[in-house]
C-alpha cells in the first residue's frame, strides 16, 4: 500500500514559537534551517518522538527537503511501519527544536556538542 505524503509540514505551537524566537535572536538565518537542524538533532540522538499535538503548518516539503535527502536519512534510520516519512519529519523537527531551545540562551550553540560521538 502506498502512503500519501503531505506537501506541507509543521510544528506544534510551542516549537514554532521557540523556532521563531531563535530566528528573531539571529541564532538562525532562516526558520527552515532550524527545522532541518531539529530533524538532524533528533536523528542523531536516536529519538522516535510521539505525534505532534495541535500542529501548525509552516513549510512546504519542497522547501525543507528539495532533494529528498532528509526523507532518505529518515527511512534509513527509522522503521516507519508503513507511515509517512514527512509526518515523522514533523515529529523529529518538533522534538529537535524544543531540545535546541533548552540549550539556547541567546548565545551561539556549539553544534559539535549536540551530536554524540561515535566509537
N, C-alpha and C. Protein backbone atom coordinates (compact mmCIF):
# COMPACT_ATOMS: atom_id res chain seq x y z
N UNK A 1 0.84 -1.17 0.00
CA UNK A 1 0.00 0.00 0.00
C UNK A 1 0.89 1.24 0.00
N UNK A 2 0.55 2.20 -0.82
CA UNK A 2 1.31 3.43 -0.96
C UNK A 2 0.84 4.47 0.06
N UNK A 3 1.79 5.18 0.66
CA UNK A 3 1.49 6.22 1.63
C UNK A 3 1.42 7.56 0.90
N UNK A 4 0.37 8.30 1.14
CA UNK A 4 0.26 9.65 0.58
C UNK A 4 1.03 10.60 1.48
N UNK A 5 2.03 11.23 0.91
CA UNK A 5 2.85 12.16 1.67
C UNK A 5 2.26 13.57 1.62
N UNK A 6 2.36 14.30 2.72
CA UNK A 6 1.86 15.67 2.72
C UNK A 6 2.76 16.58 1.89
N UNK A 7 2.22 17.67 1.42
CA UNK A 7 3.02 18.67 0.72
C UNK A 7 3.41 19.81 1.65
N UNK A 8 2.72 19.91 2.79
CA UNK A 8 3.01 20.93 3.80
C UNK A 8 3.26 20.24 5.13
N UNK A 9 4.24 20.75 5.90
CA UNK A 9 4.58 20.17 7.19
C UNK A 9 4.70 21.29 8.23
N UNK A 10 4.65 20.93 9.50
CA UNK A 10 4.66 21.96 10.53
C UNK A 10 5.26 21.54 11.84
N UNK A 11 4.85 22.26 12.86
CA UNK A 11 5.35 22.10 14.23
C UNK A 11 4.21 22.35 15.20
N UNK A 12 4.42 21.98 16.45
CA UNK A 12 3.48 22.38 17.49
C UNK A 12 3.59 23.90 17.68
N UNK A 13 2.59 24.49 18.28
CA UNK A 13 2.63 25.93 18.55
C UNK A 13 3.84 26.29 19.41
N UNK A 14 4.14 25.44 20.39
CA UNK A 14 5.28 25.70 21.28
C UNK A 14 6.59 25.71 20.50
N UNK A 15 6.81 24.68 19.68
CA UNK A 15 8.05 24.60 18.91
C UNK A 15 8.13 25.73 17.89
N UNK A 16 7.01 26.09 17.30
CA UNK A 16 7.00 27.20 16.34
C UNK A 16 7.43 28.50 17.01
N UNK A 17 6.89 28.76 18.19
CA UNK A 17 7.26 29.99 18.93
C UNK A 17 8.75 29.98 19.28
N UNK A 18 9.27 28.84 19.69
CA UNK A 18 10.69 28.73 20.04
C UNK A 18 11.57 28.93 18.81
N UNK A 19 11.17 28.34 17.70
CA UNK A 19 11.92 28.48 16.46
C UNK A 19 11.91 29.93 15.99
N UNK A 20 10.77 30.56 16.09
CA UNK A 20 10.64 31.96 15.71
C UNK A 20 11.54 32.85 16.58
N UNK A 21 11.59 32.54 17.88
CA UNK A 21 12.44 33.32 18.79
C UNK A 21 13.92 33.15 18.45
N UNK A 22 14.33 31.94 18.14
CA UNK A 22 15.73 31.71 17.77
C UNK A 22 16.08 32.47 16.49
N UNK A 23 15.13 32.56 15.56
CA UNK A 23 15.34 33.35 14.34
C UNK A 23 15.43 34.83 14.68
N UNK A 24 14.50 35.33 15.50
CA UNK A 24 14.49 36.74 15.90
C UNK A 24 15.77 37.14 16.63
N UNK A 25 16.34 36.20 17.38
CA UNK A 25 17.57 36.45 18.13
C UNK A 25 18.82 36.23 17.27
N UNK A 26 18.61 36.02 15.96
CA UNK A 26 19.70 35.84 14.99
C UNK A 26 20.55 34.60 15.21
N UNK A 27 19.98 33.61 15.89
CA UNK A 27 20.67 32.33 16.01
C UNK A 27 20.57 31.59 14.69
N UNK A 28 19.47 31.80 13.97
CA UNK A 28 19.22 31.14 12.70
C UNK A 28 19.04 32.18 11.61
N UNK A 29 19.57 31.91 10.43
CA UNK A 29 19.34 32.79 9.29
C UNK A 29 17.90 32.65 8.82
N UNK A 30 17.39 31.43 8.82
CA UNK A 30 16.03 31.13 8.38
C UNK A 30 15.42 30.09 9.31
N UNK A 31 14.13 30.18 9.52
CA UNK A 31 13.46 29.19 10.36
C UNK A 31 13.59 27.79 9.77
N UNK A 32 13.62 27.68 8.45
CA UNK A 32 13.76 26.37 7.81
C UNK A 32 15.08 25.70 8.21
N UNK A 33 16.12 26.51 8.43
CA UNK A 33 17.40 25.94 8.88
C UNK A 33 17.25 25.28 10.24
N UNK A 34 16.53 25.93 11.14
CA UNK A 34 16.29 25.37 12.46
C UNK A 34 15.43 24.12 12.41
N UNK A 35 14.48 24.10 11.49
CA UNK A 35 13.62 22.93 11.31
C UNK A 35 14.48 21.73 10.90
N UNK A 36 15.35 21.96 9.92
CA UNK A 36 16.25 20.88 9.46
C UNK A 36 17.21 20.47 10.58
N UNK A 37 17.74 21.44 11.31
CA UNK A 37 18.64 21.15 12.42
C UNK A 37 17.93 20.32 13.49
N UNK A 38 16.68 20.65 13.76
CA UNK A 38 15.90 19.87 14.72
C UNK A 38 15.75 18.43 14.29
N UNK A 39 15.48 18.20 13.00
CA UNK A 39 15.38 16.84 12.49
C UNK A 39 16.71 16.12 12.68
N UNK A 40 17.79 16.77 12.29
CA UNK A 40 19.12 16.15 12.41
C UNK A 40 19.48 15.83 13.85
N UNK A 41 19.15 16.74 14.76
CA UNK A 41 19.44 16.51 16.18
C UNK A 41 18.68 15.29 16.68
N UNK A 42 17.40 15.22 16.38
CA UNK A 42 16.59 14.08 16.83
C UNK A 42 17.11 12.77 16.24
N UNK A 43 17.46 12.79 14.95
CA UNK A 43 18.01 11.58 14.34
C UNK A 43 19.33 11.18 14.98
N UNK A 44 20.19 12.15 15.29
CA UNK A 44 21.49 11.84 15.88
C UNK A 44 21.36 11.27 17.29
N UNK A 45 20.25 11.60 17.95
CA UNK A 45 20.01 11.12 19.32
C UNK A 45 19.23 9.81 19.33
N UNK A 46 18.81 9.34 18.17
CA UNK A 46 18.03 8.10 18.11
C UNK A 46 16.61 8.26 18.63
N UNK A 47 16.09 9.46 18.57
CA UNK A 47 14.75 9.75 19.10
C UNK A 47 13.68 9.35 18.09
N UNK A 48 12.61 8.75 18.57
CA UNK A 48 11.41 8.49 17.78
C UNK A 48 10.24 9.09 18.55
N UNK A 49 10.02 10.40 18.39
CA UNK A 49 9.03 11.10 19.20
C UNK A 49 7.58 10.76 18.87
N UNK A 50 6.72 11.13 19.81
CA UNK A 50 5.28 10.94 19.64
C UNK A 50 4.74 11.93 18.62
N UNK A 51 3.47 11.77 18.28
CA UNK A 51 2.82 12.69 17.35
C UNK A 51 2.88 14.13 17.87
N UNK A 52 2.85 15.07 16.94
CA UNK A 52 2.89 16.49 17.28
C UNK A 52 1.48 16.95 17.64
N UNK A 53 1.30 17.48 18.85
CA UNK A 53 -0.03 17.94 19.24
C UNK A 53 -0.34 19.30 18.59
N UNK A 54 -1.54 19.48 18.17
CA UNK A 54 -2.02 20.76 17.64
C UNK A 54 -1.01 21.42 16.72
N UNK A 55 -0.77 20.77 15.63
CA UNK A 55 0.24 21.17 14.67
C UNK A 55 -0.14 22.45 13.92
N UNK A 56 0.86 23.28 13.67
CA UNK A 56 0.72 24.48 12.86
C UNK A 56 1.52 24.27 11.58
N UNK A 57 0.87 24.33 10.43
CA UNK A 57 1.55 24.15 9.16
C UNK A 57 2.44 25.36 8.91
N UNK A 58 3.72 25.09 8.54
CA UNK A 58 4.68 26.17 8.41
C UNK A 58 5.43 26.13 7.08
N UNK A 59 5.85 24.97 6.63
CA UNK A 59 6.73 24.85 5.48
C UNK A 59 6.18 23.90 4.43
N UNK A 60 6.58 24.13 3.20
CA UNK A 60 6.31 23.13 2.16
C UNK A 60 7.43 22.09 2.24
N UNK A 61 7.09 20.87 1.91
CA UNK A 61 8.08 19.80 1.88
C UNK A 61 9.21 20.18 0.91
N UNK A 62 8.85 20.80 -0.21
CA UNK A 62 9.85 21.18 -1.21
C UNK A 62 10.86 22.18 -0.66
N UNK A 63 10.46 23.01 0.28
CA UNK A 63 11.38 23.97 0.90
C UNK A 63 12.33 23.26 1.86
N UNK A 64 11.81 22.37 2.67
CA UNK A 64 12.61 21.69 3.70
C UNK A 64 13.48 20.59 3.10
N UNK A 65 12.98 19.89 2.14
CA UNK A 65 13.68 18.71 1.62
C UNK A 65 13.62 18.64 0.09
N UNK A 66 14.20 19.63 -0.60
CA UNK A 66 14.06 19.69 -2.06
C UNK A 66 14.65 18.49 -2.80
N UNK A 67 15.69 17.90 -2.25
CA UNK A 67 16.35 16.76 -2.90
C UNK A 67 16.00 15.43 -2.26
N UNK A 68 15.09 15.44 -1.31
CA UNK A 68 14.64 14.26 -0.56
C UNK A 68 15.76 13.57 0.21
N UNK A 69 16.79 14.33 0.56
CA UNK A 69 17.88 13.76 1.36
C UNK A 69 17.44 13.51 2.80
N UNK A 70 16.59 14.38 3.33
CA UNK A 70 16.08 14.17 4.68
C UNK A 70 15.20 12.93 4.71
N UNK A 71 14.35 12.79 3.73
CA UNK A 71 13.49 11.60 3.66
C UNK A 71 14.32 10.33 3.59
N UNK A 72 15.38 10.37 2.81
CA UNK A 72 16.26 9.20 2.68
C UNK A 72 16.91 8.86 4.02
N UNK A 73 17.38 9.88 4.74
CA UNK A 73 18.00 9.65 6.06
C UNK A 73 17.00 9.08 7.05
N UNK A 74 15.79 9.63 7.07
CA UNK A 74 14.77 9.13 7.99
C UNK A 74 14.44 7.67 7.68
N UNK A 75 14.25 7.36 6.42
CA UNK A 75 13.93 5.96 6.04
C UNK A 75 15.06 5.01 6.41
N UNK A 76 16.31 5.49 6.33
CA UNK A 76 17.45 4.64 6.65
C UNK A 76 17.58 4.39 8.15
N UNK A 77 17.12 5.34 8.96
CA UNK A 77 17.35 5.26 10.40
C UNK A 77 16.13 4.87 11.24
N UNK A 78 14.95 4.99 10.66
CA UNK A 78 13.72 4.73 11.43
C UNK A 78 12.81 3.80 10.64
N UNK A 79 12.27 2.80 11.34
CA UNK A 79 11.26 1.93 10.75
C UNK A 79 9.93 2.68 10.81
N UNK A 80 9.47 3.15 9.68
CA UNK A 80 8.25 3.95 9.62
C UNK A 80 6.99 3.11 9.74
N UNK A 81 7.13 1.80 9.68
CA UNK A 81 5.99 0.88 9.81
C UNK A 81 4.86 1.27 8.85
N UNK A 82 5.22 1.65 7.65
CA UNK A 82 4.23 2.00 6.65
C UNK A 82 3.70 3.41 6.75
N UNK A 83 4.21 4.20 7.70
CA UNK A 83 3.74 5.56 7.88
C UNK A 83 4.45 6.56 6.98
N UNK A 84 4.04 7.78 7.07
CA UNK A 84 4.56 8.86 6.26
C UNK A 84 5.91 9.35 6.75
N UNK A 85 6.87 9.45 5.85
CA UNK A 85 8.19 9.94 6.20
C UNK A 85 8.14 11.41 6.63
N UNK A 86 7.27 12.20 6.00
CA UNK A 86 7.23 13.62 6.35
C UNK A 86 6.40 13.90 7.60
N UNK A 87 5.52 12.99 7.99
CA UNK A 87 4.88 13.12 9.31
C UNK A 87 5.92 12.81 10.39
N UNK A 88 6.80 11.84 10.10
CA UNK A 88 7.89 11.55 11.03
C UNK A 88 8.83 12.75 11.09
N UNK A 89 9.10 13.38 9.96
CA UNK A 89 9.97 14.57 9.94
C UNK A 89 9.40 15.66 10.85
N UNK A 90 8.09 15.84 10.82
CA UNK A 90 7.45 16.83 11.71
C UNK A 90 7.72 16.48 13.17
N UNK A 91 7.55 15.23 13.51
CA UNK A 91 7.76 14.80 14.90
C UNK A 91 9.21 15.01 15.32
N UNK A 92 10.14 14.65 14.42
CA UNK A 92 11.56 14.82 14.71
C UNK A 92 11.91 16.30 14.86
N UNK A 93 11.41 17.12 13.94
CA UNK A 93 11.70 18.56 13.99
C UNK A 93 11.15 19.17 15.26
N UNK A 94 9.94 18.81 15.64
CA UNK A 94 9.32 19.36 16.84
C UNK A 94 10.17 19.04 18.07
N UNK A 95 10.54 17.77 18.21
CA UNK A 95 11.37 17.38 19.34
C UNK A 95 12.71 18.12 19.30
N UNK A 96 13.33 18.16 18.13
CA UNK A 96 14.64 18.77 17.98
C UNK A 96 14.64 20.26 18.25
N UNK A 97 13.62 20.98 17.80
CA UNK A 97 13.54 22.42 18.05
C UNK A 97 13.38 22.69 19.54
N UNK A 98 12.54 21.92 20.19
CA UNK A 98 12.35 22.09 21.64
C UNK A 98 13.65 21.79 22.37
N UNK A 99 14.35 20.75 21.96
CA UNK A 99 15.64 20.41 22.59
C UNK A 99 16.67 21.51 22.34
N UNK A 100 16.74 22.02 21.12
CA UNK A 100 17.66 23.13 20.82
C UNK A 100 17.38 24.33 21.71
N UNK A 101 16.12 24.64 21.90
CA UNK A 101 15.76 25.82 22.70
C UNK A 101 16.21 25.67 24.16
N UNK A 102 16.28 24.44 24.64
CA UNK A 102 16.75 24.22 26.02
C UNK A 102 18.23 24.58 26.15
N UNK A 103 18.96 24.48 25.05
CA UNK A 103 20.40 24.74 25.07
C UNK A 103 20.74 26.14 24.57
N UNK A 104 19.74 26.87 24.10
CA UNK A 104 19.93 28.19 23.51
C UNK A 104 19.60 29.26 24.54
N UNK A 105 20.58 30.09 24.83
CA UNK A 105 20.35 31.18 25.79
C UNK A 105 20.68 32.53 25.17
N UNK A 106 20.57 32.61 23.86
CA UNK A 106 20.88 33.85 23.17
C UNK A 106 22.31 33.92 22.68
N UNK A 107 23.09 32.90 22.99
CA UNK A 107 24.47 32.83 22.51
C UNK A 107 24.59 31.64 21.56
N UNK A 108 25.61 31.64 20.70
CA UNK A 108 25.74 30.53 19.75
C UNK A 108 25.87 29.18 20.44
N UNK A 109 25.28 28.19 19.81
CA UNK A 109 25.38 26.81 20.29
C UNK A 109 26.52 26.14 19.54
N UNK A 110 27.34 25.40 20.25
CA UNK A 110 28.37 24.60 19.62
C UNK A 110 27.70 23.33 19.09
N UNK A 111 27.47 23.29 17.79
CA UNK A 111 26.75 22.17 17.19
C UNK A 111 27.46 20.84 17.46
N UNK A 112 28.78 20.86 17.53
CA UNK A 112 29.54 19.65 17.80
C UNK A 112 29.19 18.99 19.12
N UNK A 113 28.75 19.78 20.10
CA UNK A 113 28.39 19.21 21.40
C UNK A 113 27.00 18.59 21.38
N UNK A 114 26.21 18.85 20.34
CA UNK A 114 24.86 18.30 20.28
C UNK A 114 24.84 16.85 19.82
N UNK A 115 25.80 16.48 19.01
CA UNK A 115 25.81 15.16 18.39
C UNK A 115 26.71 14.23 19.19
N UNK A 116 26.19 13.07 19.58
CA UNK A 116 27.02 12.13 20.33
C UNK A 116 28.18 11.62 19.48
N UNK A 117 29.31 11.43 20.13
CA UNK A 117 30.50 10.92 19.43
C UNK A 117 30.34 9.43 19.21
N UNK A 118 30.75 8.96 18.03
CA UNK A 118 30.69 7.53 17.75
C UNK A 118 32.05 6.91 18.07
N UNK A 119 32.02 5.67 18.42
CA UNK A 119 33.27 4.97 18.76
C UNK A 119 33.93 4.42 17.53
